[in-house]
Amino acid sequence: MAGAKAADPERRDSRTILFDATAALLSERSTIEVSLSEIAQRSGLNSALIKYYFGSKEGLLLALLERVAERAMADLAHLVGLDIPAEQKLRIHIGGIINTYYRSPYVNRLINYMIVRSDKASSERVAQIFVEPMIAAYRAIVDQGVAEGAFRPLDPGMLYYSVVGACEHIFYASYSLPTTLGLSELTEEVRQQYARHVSDLVFHGVLAHPAREA
């Protein structure tokens, strides 16, 4: 038992190093194509450790998504349970999605990759940890908003696609920043500005009685 406890911190450290190296590589590119040798070089660890801890590169990518999902979905579940208006929940949620993509711009690309190109078990796991909780949360927020008279009747699935797509694209298309915004990289100021912008766009379509210009 003592030997197992002594080895555990080293195991966690190696896993974290591999997670961080993989996340950094994925954040630097607009695809999820990353090789075992690149991960090994960035992490400073032997690529054999990836197979030892995760079984394969796909296993590492799935574990990385699980780590992101644990935090993001816990925050979302807490938000849905708050005793606040649905409009406020949706605004907070939009800011939360953009914060997640700002920290981990590869997330949505990796989700899509794992669902479409990975094996059935991994695909089902990604749907379980990300898609299902998100749709459940959207359904709860929309139902609350309609009951409060704040939202018009909406399809939660359609709203999910609209919100997630809008929030994610600026991170997916970061290569276009010099042309669109005259920037070389996303900054904290731009992140905040984009969160406000997406919220304004969404709420013009969500609210039961959108505010009219004078």
N, C-alpha and C. Protein backbone atom coordinates (compact mmCIF):
# COMPACT_ATOMS: atom_id res chain seq x y z
N MET A 1 0.83 -1.21 0.00
CA MET A 1 0.00 0.00 0.00
C MET A 1 0.86 1.25 0.00
N ALA A 2 1.92 1.27 0.83
CA ALA A 2 2.78 2.45 0.90
C ALA A 2 3.44 2.70 -0.45
N GLY A 3 3.87 1.59 -1.12
CA GLY A 3 4.51 1.76 -2.41
C GLY A 3 3.56 2.34 -3.44
N ALA A 4 2.29 1.90 -3.42
CA ALA A 4 1.30 2.41 -4.37
C ALA A 4 1.06 3.89 -4.14
N LYS A 5 1.00 4.30 -2.88
CA LYS A 5 0.77 5.71 -2.58
C LYS A 5 1.94 6.56 -3.04
N ALA A 6 3.15 6.05 -2.88
CA ALA A 6 4.33 6.83 -3.27
C ALA A 6 4.38 7.02 -4.77
N ALA A 7 3.91 6.03 -5.55
CA ALA A 7 3.97 6.12 -7.01
C ALA A 7 2.86 6.99 -7.57
N ASP A 8 1.76 7.16 -6.84
CA ASP A 8 0.59 7.84 -7.36
C ASP A 8 0.85 9.29 -7.77
N PRO A 9 1.54 10.13 -6.93
CA PRO A 9 1.81 11.50 -7.35
C PRO A 9 2.59 11.57 -8.65
N GLU A 10 3.56 10.68 -8.85
CA GLU A 10 4.34 10.67 -10.09
C GLU A 10 3.43 10.38 -11.27
N ARG A 11 2.51 9.42 -11.08
CA ARG A 11 1.57 9.08 -12.15
C ARG A 11 0.70 10.28 -12.51
N ARG A 12 0.18 10.95 -11.51
CA ARG A 12 -0.66 12.12 -11.77
C ARG A 12 0.14 13.20 -12.46
N ASP A 13 1.37 13.44 -12.06
CA ASP A 13 2.19 14.47 -12.67
C ASP A 13 2.44 14.17 -14.14
N SER A 14 2.74 12.94 -14.47
CA SER A 14 3.00 12.55 -15.86
C SER A 14 1.74 12.74 -16.70
N ARG A 15 0.61 12.33 -16.17
CA ARG A 15 -0.64 12.50 -16.90
C ARG A 15 -0.93 13.98 -17.15
N THR A 16 -0.73 14.80 -16.13
CA THR A 16 -0.98 16.23 -16.26
C THR A 16 -0.06 16.85 -17.29
N ILE A 17 1.20 16.46 -17.29
CA ILE A 17 2.16 16.96 -18.27
C ILE A 17 1.71 16.60 -19.68
N LEU A 18 1.25 15.37 -19.86
CA LEU A 18 0.77 14.95 -21.19
C LEU A 18 -0.49 15.71 -21.59
N PHE A 19 -1.40 15.92 -20.64
CA PHE A 19 -2.60 16.70 -20.92
C PHE A 19 -2.21 18.11 -21.37
N ASP A 20 -1.34 18.75 -20.61
CA ASP A 20 -0.97 20.14 -20.90
C ASP A 20 -0.26 20.26 -22.24
N ALA A 21 0.61 19.29 -22.54
CA ALA A 21 1.33 19.33 -23.81
C ALA A 21 0.36 19.17 -24.98
N THR A 22 -0.56 18.23 -24.86
CA THR A 22 -1.54 18.00 -25.92
C THR A 22 -2.44 19.21 -26.10
N ALA A 23 -2.92 19.77 -24.99
CA ALA A 23 -3.78 20.95 -25.06
C ALA A 23 -3.06 22.12 -25.71
N ALA A 24 -1.80 22.32 -25.38
CA ALA A 24 -1.03 23.41 -25.97
C ALA A 24 -0.88 23.24 -27.47
N LEU A 25 -0.58 22.03 -27.91
CA LEU A 25 -0.43 21.76 -29.34
C LEU A 25 -1.74 21.97 -30.08
N LEU A 26 -2.84 21.48 -29.52
CA LEU A 26 -4.14 21.63 -30.17
C LEU A 26 -4.57 23.09 -30.22
N SER A 27 -4.19 23.86 -29.21
CA SER A 27 -4.56 25.27 -29.15
C SER A 27 -3.82 26.10 -30.19
N GLU A 28 -2.70 25.61 -30.66
CA GLU A 28 -1.87 26.35 -31.60
C GLU A 28 -2.27 26.15 -33.05
N ARG A 29 -3.19 25.22 -33.31
CA ARG A 29 -3.54 24.92 -34.70
C ARG A 29 -5.05 24.86 -34.88
N SER A 30 -5.49 24.93 -36.11
CA SER A 30 -6.92 24.93 -36.41
C SER A 30 -7.46 23.53 -36.70
N THR A 31 -6.63 22.51 -36.50
CA THR A 31 -7.08 21.12 -36.64
C THR A 31 -6.74 20.38 -35.36
N ILE A 32 -7.18 19.13 -35.27
CA ILE A 32 -6.84 18.32 -34.10
C ILE A 32 -5.77 17.28 -34.45
N GLU A 33 -5.14 17.45 -35.61
CA GLU A 33 -4.10 16.52 -36.02
C GLU A 33 -2.84 16.77 -35.20
N VAL A 34 -2.51 15.84 -34.34
CA VAL A 34 -1.31 15.94 -33.52
C VAL A 34 -0.76 14.52 -33.36
N SER A 35 0.54 14.38 -33.49
CA SER A 35 1.15 13.05 -33.46
C SER A 35 1.69 12.72 -32.08
N LEU A 36 1.91 11.44 -31.85
CA LEU A 36 2.50 10.99 -30.60
C LEU A 36 3.89 11.60 -30.42
N SER A 37 4.65 11.69 -31.50
CA SER A 37 6.01 12.24 -31.40
C SER A 37 5.97 13.72 -31.02
N GLU A 38 4.98 14.46 -31.54
CA GLU A 38 4.86 15.88 -31.18
C GLU A 38 4.51 16.03 -29.71
N ILE A 39 3.60 15.20 -29.24
CA ILE A 39 3.21 15.25 -27.82
C ILE A 39 4.40 14.91 -26.94
N ALA A 40 5.14 13.88 -27.34
CA ALA A 40 6.31 13.47 -26.57
C ALA A 40 7.35 14.58 -26.53
N GLN A 41 7.59 15.21 -27.68
CA GLN A 41 8.58 16.28 -27.73
C GLN A 41 8.17 17.47 -26.88
N ARG A 42 6.89 17.87 -26.96
CA ARG A 42 6.41 19.02 -26.18
C ARG A 42 6.41 18.71 -24.69
N SER A 43 6.05 17.49 -24.33
CA SER A 43 5.95 17.13 -22.91
C SER A 43 7.29 16.79 -22.28
N GLY A 44 8.26 16.38 -23.13
CA GLY A 44 9.53 15.91 -22.60
C GLY A 44 9.46 14.50 -22.04
N LEU A 45 8.37 13.79 -22.36
CA LEU A 45 8.18 12.43 -21.87
C LEU A 45 8.22 11.45 -23.04
N ASN A 46 8.48 10.21 -22.73
CA ASN A 46 8.51 9.17 -23.76
C ASN A 46 7.09 8.89 -24.25
N SER A 47 6.92 8.77 -25.56
CA SER A 47 5.59 8.53 -26.12
C SER A 47 4.99 7.23 -25.63
N ALA A 48 5.83 6.30 -25.15
CA ALA A 48 5.31 5.04 -24.62
C ALA A 48 4.42 5.26 -23.41
N LEU A 49 4.62 6.39 -22.70
CA LEU A 49 3.79 6.68 -21.54
C LEU A 49 2.34 6.95 -21.94
N ILE A 50 2.14 7.45 -23.15
CA ILE A 50 0.77 7.69 -23.62
C ILE A 50 0.01 6.38 -23.69
N LYS A 51 0.64 5.36 -24.25
CA LYS A 51 0.00 4.04 -24.33
C LYS A 51 -0.13 3.42 -22.95
N TYR A 52 0.83 3.70 -22.08
CA TYR A 52 0.80 3.14 -20.73
C TYR A 52 -0.39 3.71 -19.94
N TYR A 53 -0.58 5.01 -19.99
CA TYR A 53 -1.63 5.65 -19.20
C TYR A 53 -3.00 5.62 -19.89
N PHE A 54 -3.02 5.79 -21.24
CA PHE A 54 -4.28 6.00 -21.94
C PHE A 54 -4.61 4.94 -22.99
N GLY A 55 -3.68 4.05 -23.28
CA GLY A 55 -3.93 3.00 -24.25
C GLY A 55 -3.60 3.38 -25.67
N SER A 56 -3.84 4.64 -26.03
CA SER A 56 -3.60 5.12 -27.39
C SER A 56 -3.72 6.65 -27.40
N LYS A 57 -3.42 7.23 -28.55
CA LYS A 57 -3.62 8.68 -28.69
C LYS A 57 -5.09 9.02 -28.53
N GLU A 58 -5.99 8.19 -29.09
CA GLU A 58 -7.42 8.43 -28.96
C GLU A 58 -7.83 8.42 -27.49
N GLY A 59 -7.22 7.51 -26.72
CA GLY A 59 -7.52 7.46 -25.29
C GLY A 59 -7.08 8.71 -24.57
N LEU A 60 -5.94 9.26 -24.97
CA LEU A 60 -5.46 10.51 -24.39
C LEU A 60 -6.40 11.66 -24.73
N LEU A 61 -6.84 11.74 -25.99
CA LEU A 61 -7.75 12.81 -26.40
C LEU A 61 -9.07 12.72 -25.66
N LEU A 62 -9.57 11.51 -25.47
CA LEU A 62 -10.82 11.34 -24.73
C LEU A 62 -10.64 11.75 -23.28
N ALA A 63 -9.53 11.36 -22.66
CA ALA A 63 -9.28 11.74 -21.27
C ALA A 63 -9.12 13.25 -21.12
N LEU A 64 -8.53 13.90 -22.14
CA LEU A 64 -8.41 15.35 -22.12
C LEU A 64 -9.78 16.00 -22.15
N LEU A 65 -10.68 15.49 -22.99
CA LEU A 65 -12.05 16.01 -23.04
C LEU A 65 -12.78 15.78 -21.72
N GLU A 66 -12.56 14.64 -21.11
CA GLU A 66 -13.21 14.36 -19.83
C GLU A 66 -12.75 15.35 -18.77
N ARG A 67 -11.48 15.72 -18.81
CA ARG A 67 -10.97 16.70 -17.84
C ARG A 67 -11.64 18.06 -18.03
N VAL A 68 -11.79 18.48 -19.30
CA VAL A 68 -12.45 19.76 -19.58
C VAL A 68 -13.93 19.68 -19.20
N ALA A 69 -14.57 18.56 -19.54
CA ALA A 69 -16.01 18.41 -19.29
C ALA A 69 -16.34 18.43 -17.80
N GLU A 70 -15.48 17.86 -17.00
CA GLU A 70 -15.73 17.79 -15.56
C GLU A 70 -15.95 19.18 -14.98
N ARG A 71 -15.12 20.12 -15.36
CA ARG A 71 -15.24 21.48 -14.85
C ARG A 71 -16.40 22.21 -15.50
N ALA A 72 -16.48 22.14 -16.83
CA ALA A 72 -17.49 22.91 -17.56
C ALA A 72 -18.90 22.45 -17.23
N MET A 73 -19.13 21.14 -17.17
CA MET A 73 -20.48 20.64 -16.90
C MET A 73 -20.89 20.83 -15.44
N ALA A 74 -19.92 20.80 -14.54
CA ALA A 74 -20.24 21.09 -13.13
C ALA A 74 -20.69 22.54 -13.00
N ASP A 75 -20.00 23.45 -13.68
CA ASP A 75 -20.40 24.86 -13.67
C ASP A 75 -21.79 25.04 -14.27
N LEU A 76 -22.07 24.32 -15.37
CA LEU A 76 -23.36 24.46 -16.03
C LEU A 76 -24.49 23.92 -15.15
N ALA A 77 -24.28 22.78 -14.52
CA ALA A 77 -25.30 22.22 -13.63
C ALA A 77 -25.59 23.16 -12.47
N HIS A 78 -24.53 23.77 -11.93
CA HIS A 78 -24.72 24.74 -10.85
C HIS A 78 -25.53 25.94 -11.32
N LEU A 79 -25.23 26.42 -12.54
CA LEU A 79 -25.95 27.56 -13.09
C LEU A 79 -27.43 27.26 -13.27
N VAL A 80 -27.74 26.09 -13.83
CA VAL A 80 -29.14 25.73 -14.06
C VAL A 80 -29.91 25.69 -12.74
N GLY A 81 -29.26 25.28 -11.66
CA GLY A 81 -29.93 25.16 -10.38
C GLY A 81 -30.08 26.46 -9.61
N LEU A 82 -29.48 27.54 -10.09
CA LEU A 82 -29.56 28.82 -9.38
C LEU A 82 -30.97 29.39 -9.44
N ASP A 83 -31.35 30.12 -8.39
CA ASP A 83 -32.67 30.76 -8.33
C ASP A 83 -32.57 32.16 -8.92
N ILE A 84 -32.37 32.22 -10.24
CA ILE A 84 -32.25 33.48 -10.96
C ILE A 84 -33.04 33.35 -12.25
N PRO A 85 -33.42 34.48 -12.90
CA PRO A 85 -34.20 34.40 -14.14
C PRO A 85 -33.46 33.65 -15.25
N ALA A 86 -34.24 33.05 -16.14
CA ALA A 86 -33.65 32.28 -17.25
C ALA A 86 -32.80 33.17 -18.15
N GLU A 87 -33.21 34.41 -18.35
CA GLU A 87 -32.42 35.31 -19.20
C GLU A 87 -31.03 35.50 -18.63
N GLN A 88 -30.93 35.67 -17.32
CA GLN A 88 -29.63 35.83 -16.69
C GLN A 88 -28.81 34.56 -16.81
N LYS A 89 -29.46 33.41 -16.67
CA LYS A 89 -28.74 32.14 -16.81
C LYS A 89 -28.13 32.00 -18.20
N LEU A 90 -28.91 32.34 -19.22
CA LEU A 90 -28.41 32.18 -20.58
C LEU A 90 -27.26 33.14 -20.87
N ARG A 91 -27.36 34.35 -20.34
CA ARG A 91 -26.26 35.31 -20.53
C ARG A 91 -24.98 34.80 -19.84
N ILE A 92 -25.11 34.29 -18.63
CA ILE A 92 -23.96 33.75 -17.92
C ILE A 92 -23.39 32.56 -18.68
N HIS A 93 -24.28 31.73 -19.20
CA HIS A 93 -23.85 30.54 -19.94
C HIS A 93 -23.05 30.92 -21.18
N ILE A 94 -23.51 31.90 -21.91
CA ILE A 94 -22.79 32.34 -23.12
C ILE A 94 -21.40 32.81 -22.75
N GLY A 95 -21.29 33.59 -21.69
CA GLY A 95 -19.98 34.02 -21.22
C GLY A 95 -19.12 32.84 -20.79
N GLY A 96 -19.75 31.83 -20.17
CA GLY A 96 -19.01 30.65 -19.73
C GLY A 96 -18.47 29.84 -20.89
N ILE A 97 -19.28 29.69 -21.96
CA ILE A 97 -18.80 28.96 -23.14
C ILE A 97 -17.59 29.66 -23.74
N ILE A 98 -17.68 30.97 -23.89
CA ILE A 98 -16.57 31.72 -24.48
C ILE A 98 -15.34 31.65 -23.60
N ASN A 99 -15.52 31.67 -22.29
CA ASN A 99 -14.38 31.49 -21.38
C ASN A 99 -13.72 30.12 -21.58
N THR A 100 -14.56 29.08 -21.74
CA THR A 100 -14.02 27.73 -21.97
C THR A 100 -13.23 27.67 -23.25
N TYR A 101 -13.76 28.25 -24.33
CA TYR A 101 -13.05 28.23 -25.60
C TYR A 101 -11.81 29.12 -25.56
N TYR A 102 -11.86 30.17 -24.76
CA TYR A 102 -10.68 31.04 -24.62
C TYR A 102 -9.55 30.27 -23.95
N ARG A 103 -9.90 29.47 -22.92
CA ARG A 103 -8.90 28.64 -22.24
C ARG A 103 -8.49 27.45 -23.10
N SER A 104 -9.48 26.85 -23.79
CA SER A 104 -9.25 25.62 -24.54
C SER A 104 -9.91 25.73 -25.92
N PRO A 105 -9.31 26.47 -26.86
CA PRO A 105 -9.96 26.74 -28.15
C PRO A 105 -10.18 25.51 -29.02
N TYR A 106 -9.59 24.41 -28.66
CA TYR A 106 -9.69 23.18 -29.45
C TYR A 106 -10.91 22.33 -29.08
N VAL A 107 -11.63 22.69 -28.03
CA VAL A 107 -12.62 21.78 -27.44
C VAL A 107 -13.68 21.34 -28.43
N ASN A 108 -14.34 22.26 -29.11
CA ASN A 108 -15.44 21.87 -29.98
C ASN A 108 -14.95 21.06 -31.17
N ARG A 109 -13.78 21.40 -31.71
CA ARG A 109 -13.20 20.62 -32.80
C ARG A 109 -12.92 19.19 -32.34
N LEU A 110 -12.41 19.07 -31.13
CA LEU A 110 -12.07 17.75 -30.61
C LEU A 110 -13.33 16.94 -30.32
N ILE A 111 -14.37 17.59 -29.82
CA ILE A 111 -15.65 16.90 -29.59
C ILE A 111 -16.16 16.32 -30.91
N ASN A 112 -16.19 17.16 -31.95
CA ASN A 112 -16.69 16.70 -33.25
C ASN A 112 -15.83 15.56 -33.81
N TYR A 113 -14.53 15.68 -33.66
CA TYR A 113 -13.62 14.65 -34.15
C TYR A 113 -13.88 13.32 -33.44
N MET A 114 -14.01 13.37 -32.13
CA MET A 114 -14.19 12.15 -31.36
C MET A 114 -15.54 11.50 -31.65
N ILE A 115 -16.56 12.29 -31.92
CA ILE A 115 -17.88 11.73 -32.21
C ILE A 115 -17.91 11.11 -33.61
N VAL A 116 -17.28 11.79 -34.58
CA VAL A 116 -17.37 11.35 -35.97
C VAL A 116 -16.34 10.29 -36.32
N ARG A 117 -15.10 10.47 -35.84
CA ARG A 117 -14.01 9.64 -36.33
C ARG A 117 -13.49 8.61 -35.34
N SER A 118 -13.95 8.67 -34.11
CA SER A 118 -13.44 7.73 -33.12
C SER A 118 -14.31 6.47 -33.09
N ASP A 119 -13.95 5.52 -32.23
CA ASP A 119 -14.73 4.29 -32.12
C ASP A 119 -16.05 4.56 -31.42
N LYS A 120 -16.96 3.60 -31.49
CA LYS A 120 -18.32 3.80 -30.98
C LYS A 120 -18.32 4.10 -29.49
N ALA A 121 -17.51 3.41 -28.72
CA ALA A 121 -17.49 3.62 -27.26
C ALA A 121 -17.04 5.04 -26.93
N SER A 122 -16.00 5.53 -27.61
CA SER A 122 -15.51 6.88 -27.36
C SER A 122 -16.53 7.91 -27.80
N SER A 123 -17.16 7.66 -28.94
CA SER A 123 -18.18 8.57 -29.45
C SER A 123 -19.34 8.69 -28.46
N GLU A 124 -19.78 7.56 -27.95
CA GLU A 124 -20.88 7.57 -26.98
C GLU A 124 -20.47 8.25 -25.69
N ARG A 125 -19.22 8.08 -25.29
CA ARG A 125 -18.73 8.72 -24.07
C ARG A 125 -18.71 10.24 -24.21
N VAL A 126 -18.27 10.74 -25.36
CA VAL A 126 -18.23 12.18 -25.59
C VAL A 126 -19.65 12.75 -25.58
N ALA A 127 -20.58 12.06 -26.22
CA ALA A 127 -21.97 12.51 -26.20
C ALA A 127 -22.50 12.54 -24.77
N GLN A 128 -22.10 11.55 -23.97
CA GLN A 128 -22.56 11.46 -22.58
C GLN A 128 -22.03 12.59 -21.72
N ILE A 129 -20.76 12.96 -21.90
CA ILE A 129 -20.16 13.94 -21.00
C ILE A 129 -20.36 15.38 -21.46
N PHE A 130 -20.65 15.58 -22.75
CA PHE A 130 -20.80 16.95 -23.25
C PHE A 130 -22.20 17.23 -23.80
N VAL A 131 -22.60 16.49 -24.82
CA VAL A 131 -23.81 16.84 -25.56
C VAL A 131 -25.07 16.65 -24.72
N GLU A 132 -25.20 15.52 -24.07
CA GLU A 132 -26.41 15.25 -23.28
C GLU A 132 -26.62 16.25 -22.15
N PRO A 133 -25.58 16.56 -21.34
CA PRO A 133 -25.78 17.56 -20.29
C PRO A 133 -26.10 18.95 -20.84
N MET A 134 -25.51 19.30 -21.98
CA MET A 134 -25.76 20.60 -22.58
C MET A 134 -27.21 20.71 -23.02
N ILE A 135 -27.71 19.68 -23.72
CA ILE A 135 -29.09 19.72 -24.19
C ILE A 135 -30.07 19.74 -23.02
N ALA A 136 -29.78 18.99 -21.98
CA ALA A 136 -30.64 18.99 -20.79
C ALA A 136 -30.68 20.38 -20.17
N ALA A 137 -29.52 21.04 -20.11
CA ALA A 137 -29.46 22.38 -19.54
C ALA A 137 -30.22 23.38 -20.40
N TYR A 138 -30.07 23.29 -21.71
CA TYR A 138 -30.80 24.20 -22.61
C TYR A 138 -32.29 24.00 -22.48
N ARG A 139 -32.71 22.74 -22.38
CA ARG A 139 -34.14 22.46 -22.24
C ARG A 139 -34.68 23.09 -20.96
N ALA A 140 -33.92 22.96 -19.87
CA ALA A 140 -34.37 23.52 -18.59
C ALA A 140 -34.42 25.04 -18.64
N ILE A 141 -33.41 25.66 -19.23
CA ILE A 141 -33.37 27.13 -19.29
C ILE A 141 -34.47 27.66 -20.20
N VAL A 142 -34.68 27.01 -21.35
CA VAL A 142 -35.74 27.45 -22.27
C VAL A 142 -37.10 27.30 -21.61
N ASP A 143 -37.36 26.16 -20.99
CA ASP A 143 -38.66 25.94 -20.33
C ASP A 143 -38.89 27.00 -19.25
N GLN A 144 -37.85 27.31 -18.48
CA GLN A 144 -37.99 28.34 -17.46
C GLN A 144 -38.27 29.70 -18.08
N GLY A 145 -37.54 30.02 -19.14
CA GLY A 145 -37.72 31.32 -19.79
C GLY A 145 -39.11 31.49 -20.38
N VAL A 146 -39.65 30.42 -20.99
CA VAL A 146 -41.00 30.47 -21.55
C VAL A 146 -42.01 30.62 -20.42
N ALA A 147 -41.83 29.86 -19.34
CA ALA A 147 -42.75 29.94 -18.20
C ALA A 147 -42.73 31.33 -17.57
N GLU A 148 -41.59 31.97 -17.58
CA GLU A 148 -41.48 33.33 -17.03
C GLU A 148 -42.02 34.39 -17.97
N GLY A 149 -42.32 33.99 -19.21
CA GLY A 149 -42.79 34.95 -20.21
C GLY A 149 -41.68 35.75 -20.83
N ALA A 150 -40.43 35.36 -20.56
CA ALA A 150 -39.29 36.11 -21.07
C ALA A 150 -38.86 35.62 -22.45
N PHE A 151 -39.00 34.31 -22.72
CA PHE A 151 -38.57 33.72 -23.98
C PHE A 151 -39.79 33.34 -24.82
N ARG A 152 -39.62 33.42 -26.12
CA ARG A 152 -40.61 32.81 -27.00
C ARG A 152 -40.34 31.31 -27.04
N PRO A 153 -41.31 30.50 -27.47
CA PRO A 153 -41.05 29.05 -27.56
C PRO A 153 -39.89 28.76 -28.51
N LEU A 154 -38.93 27.96 -28.05
CA LEU A 154 -37.73 27.67 -28.82
C LEU A 154 -37.44 26.18 -28.81
N ASP A 155 -36.79 25.70 -29.85
CA ASP A 155 -36.28 24.33 -29.86
C ASP A 155 -34.93 24.35 -29.16
N PRO A 156 -34.78 23.66 -28.01
CA PRO A 156 -33.51 23.70 -27.27
C PRO A 156 -32.33 23.22 -28.10
N GLY A 157 -32.55 22.22 -28.96
CA GLY A 157 -31.47 21.72 -29.80
C GLY A 157 -31.00 22.75 -30.80
N MET A 158 -31.94 23.46 -31.42
CA MET A 158 -31.57 24.51 -32.38
C MET A 158 -30.83 25.64 -31.68
N LEU A 159 -31.30 25.99 -30.48
CA LEU A 159 -30.62 27.04 -29.72
C LEU A 159 -29.20 26.61 -29.37
N TYR A 160 -29.04 25.35 -29.00
CA TYR A 160 -27.71 24.81 -28.70
C TYR A 160 -26.77 25.00 -29.88
N TYR A 161 -27.21 24.61 -31.08
CA TYR A 161 -26.36 24.76 -32.26
C TYR A 161 -26.02 26.22 -32.52
N SER A 162 -27.01 27.10 -32.37
CA SER A 162 -26.79 28.52 -32.64
C SER A 162 -25.79 29.13 -31.67
N VAL A 163 -25.98 28.86 -30.38
CA VAL A 163 -25.13 29.46 -29.37
C VAL A 163 -23.71 28.90 -29.42
N VAL A 164 -23.60 27.58 -29.43
CA VAL A 164 -22.27 26.95 -29.44
C VAL A 164 -21.51 27.32 -30.70
N GLY A 165 -22.19 27.31 -31.84
CA GLY A 165 -21.53 27.68 -33.09
C GLY A 165 -21.02 29.10 -33.09
N ALA A 166 -21.86 30.02 -32.61
CA ALA A 166 -21.44 31.43 -32.57
C ALA A 166 -20.29 31.64 -31.60
N CYS A 167 -20.35 30.99 -30.45
CA CYS A 167 -19.31 31.17 -29.43
C CYS A 167 -17.97 30.59 -29.90
N GLU A 168 -18.03 29.50 -30.63
CA GLU A 168 -16.79 28.78 -30.96
C GLU A 168 -16.06 29.32 -32.18
N HIS A 169 -16.78 29.93 -33.12
CA HIS A 169 -16.17 30.18 -34.43
C HIS A 169 -14.98 31.13 -34.37
N ILE A 170 -15.03 32.13 -33.53
CA ILE A 170 -13.91 33.08 -33.48
C ILE A 170 -12.62 32.37 -33.05
N PHE A 171 -12.74 31.32 -32.27
CA PHE A 171 -11.56 30.57 -31.83
C PHE A 171 -11.11 29.59 -32.92
N TYR A 172 -12.09 29.00 -33.62
CA TYR A 172 -11.76 28.09 -34.71
C TYR A 172 -11.10 28.85 -35.86
N ALA A 173 -11.60 30.06 -36.13
CA ALA A 173 -11.12 30.86 -37.26
C ALA A 173 -10.14 31.94 -36.82
N SER A 174 -9.34 31.65 -35.80
CA SER A 174 -8.41 32.66 -35.30
C SER A 174 -7.39 33.11 -36.35
N TYR A 175 -7.19 32.27 -37.38
CA TYR A 175 -6.27 32.64 -38.46
C TYR A 175 -6.74 33.89 -39.21
N SER A 176 -8.06 34.19 -39.13
CA SER A 176 -8.61 35.33 -39.86
C SER A 176 -8.60 36.63 -39.05
N LEU A 177 -8.12 36.59 -37.80
CA LEU A 177 -8.14 37.78 -36.94
C LEU A 177 -7.45 38.99 -37.57
N PRO A 178 -6.27 38.82 -38.21
CA PRO A 178 -5.63 40.01 -38.80
C PRO A 178 -6.52 40.70 -39.84
N THR A 179 -7.31 39.91 -40.58
CA THR A 179 -8.17 40.48 -41.61
C THR A 179 -9.46 41.05 -41.05
N THR A 180 -10.09 40.31 -40.12
CA THR A 180 -11.40 40.73 -39.62
C THR A 180 -11.33 41.81 -38.55
N LEU A 181 -10.40 41.67 -37.61
CA LEU A 181 -10.32 42.59 -36.47
C LEU A 181 -9.00 43.36 -36.40
N GLY A 182 -8.09 43.05 -37.30
CA GLY A 182 -6.79 43.73 -37.28
C GLY A 182 -5.95 43.33 -36.08
N LEU A 183 -6.11 42.09 -35.61
CA LEU A 183 -5.40 41.61 -34.43
C LEU A 183 -4.53 40.42 -34.78
N SER A 184 -3.44 40.25 -34.05
CA SER A 184 -2.59 39.09 -34.26
C SER A 184 -3.00 37.91 -33.37
N GLU A 185 -3.73 38.21 -32.27
CA GLU A 185 -4.20 37.16 -31.37
C GLU A 185 -5.38 37.67 -30.56
N LEU A 186 -6.12 36.71 -29.99
CA LEU A 186 -7.25 37.07 -29.14
C LEU A 186 -6.75 37.57 -27.80
N THR A 187 -7.33 38.65 -27.32
CA THR A 187 -6.96 39.20 -26.02
C THR A 187 -8.13 39.07 -25.06
N GLU A 188 -7.89 39.31 -23.80
CA GLU A 188 -8.94 39.27 -22.81
C GLU A 188 -10.01 40.32 -23.12
N GLU A 189 -9.61 41.49 -23.59
CA GLU A 189 -10.57 42.54 -23.94
C GLU A 189 -11.48 42.09 -25.07
N VAL A 190 -10.91 41.45 -26.09
CA VAL A 190 -11.70 40.95 -27.21
C VAL A 190 -12.63 39.83 -26.76
N ARG A 191 -12.15 38.96 -25.86
CA ARG A 191 -13.01 37.91 -25.33
C ARG A 191 -14.26 38.49 -24.69
N GLN A 192 -14.08 39.50 -23.86
CA GLN A 192 -15.21 40.13 -23.20
C GLN A 192 -16.14 40.81 -24.21
N GLN A 193 -15.55 41.48 -25.19
CA GLN A 193 -16.35 42.15 -26.22
C GLN A 193 -17.16 41.13 -27.02
N TYR A 194 -16.54 40.00 -27.34
CA TYR A 194 -17.23 38.98 -28.13
C TYR A 194 -18.37 38.35 -27.34
N ALA A 195 -18.16 38.15 -26.04
CA ALA A 195 -19.23 37.60 -25.19
C ALA A 195 -20.45 38.53 -25.20
N ARG A 196 -20.21 39.83 -25.10
CA ARG A 196 -21.32 40.79 -25.15
C ARG A 196 -22.00 40.77 -26.52
N HIS A 197 -21.19 40.68 -27.57
CA HIS A 197 -21.71 40.69 -28.93
C HIS A 197 -22.61 39.47 -29.18
N VAL A 198 -22.14 38.29 -28.82
CA VAL A 198 -22.93 37.07 -29.03
C VAL A 198 -24.21 37.12 -28.20
N SER A 199 -24.12 37.59 -26.97
CA SER A 199 -25.31 37.70 -26.13
C SER A 199 -26.35 38.61 -26.77
N ASP A 200 -25.91 39.74 -27.29
CA ASP A 200 -26.84 40.67 -27.94
C ASP A 200 -27.52 40.02 -29.14
N LEU A 201 -26.75 39.31 -29.96
CA LEU A 201 -27.31 38.64 -31.13
C LEU A 201 -28.33 37.58 -30.73
N VAL A 202 -27.95 36.75 -29.75
CA VAL A 202 -28.83 35.66 -29.32
C VAL A 202 -30.12 36.21 -28.75
N PHE A 203 -30.03 37.22 -27.91
CA PHE A 203 -31.22 37.68 -27.21
C PHE A 203 -32.18 38.46 -28.10
N HIS A 204 -31.73 38.97 -29.21
CA HIS A 204 -32.66 39.57 -30.16
C HIS A 204 -33.57 38.50 -30.77
N GLY A 205 -33.11 37.24 -30.76
CA GLY A 205 -33.93 36.17 -31.30
C GLY A 205 -34.65 35.35 -30.24
N VAL A 206 -34.17 35.41 -28.99
CA VAL A 206 -34.70 34.57 -27.92
C VAL A 206 -35.84 35.25 -27.14
N LEU A 207 -35.70 36.51 -26.87
CA LEU A 207 -36.65 37.19 -26.01
C LEU A 207 -38.05 37.23 -26.61
N ALA A 208 -39.05 37.12 -25.76
CA ALA A 208 -40.44 37.15 -26.23
C ALA A 208 -40.79 38.50 -26.81
N HIS A 209 -40.25 39.56 -26.22
CA HIS A 209 -40.51 40.91 -26.70
C HIS A 209 -39.19 41.65 -26.80
N PRO A 210 -38.42 41.43 -27.90
CA PRO A 210 -37.13 42.09 -28.04
C PRO A 210 -37.26 43.59 -27.93
N ALA A 211 -36.26 44.19 -27.27
CA ALA A 211 -36.27 45.64 -27.13
C ALA A 211 -36.18 46.27 -28.51
N ARG A 212 -37.01 47.28 -28.76
CA ARG A 212 -37.03 47.95 -30.06
C ARG A 212 -36.22 49.24 -29.99
N GLU A 213 -35.58 49.56 -31.11
CA GLU A 213 -34.83 50.80 -31.16
C GLU A 213 -35.83 51.96 -31.13
N ALA A 214 -35.46 53.01 -30.44
CA ALA A 214 -36.34 54.18 -30.35
C ALA A 214 -36.44 54.87 -31.71
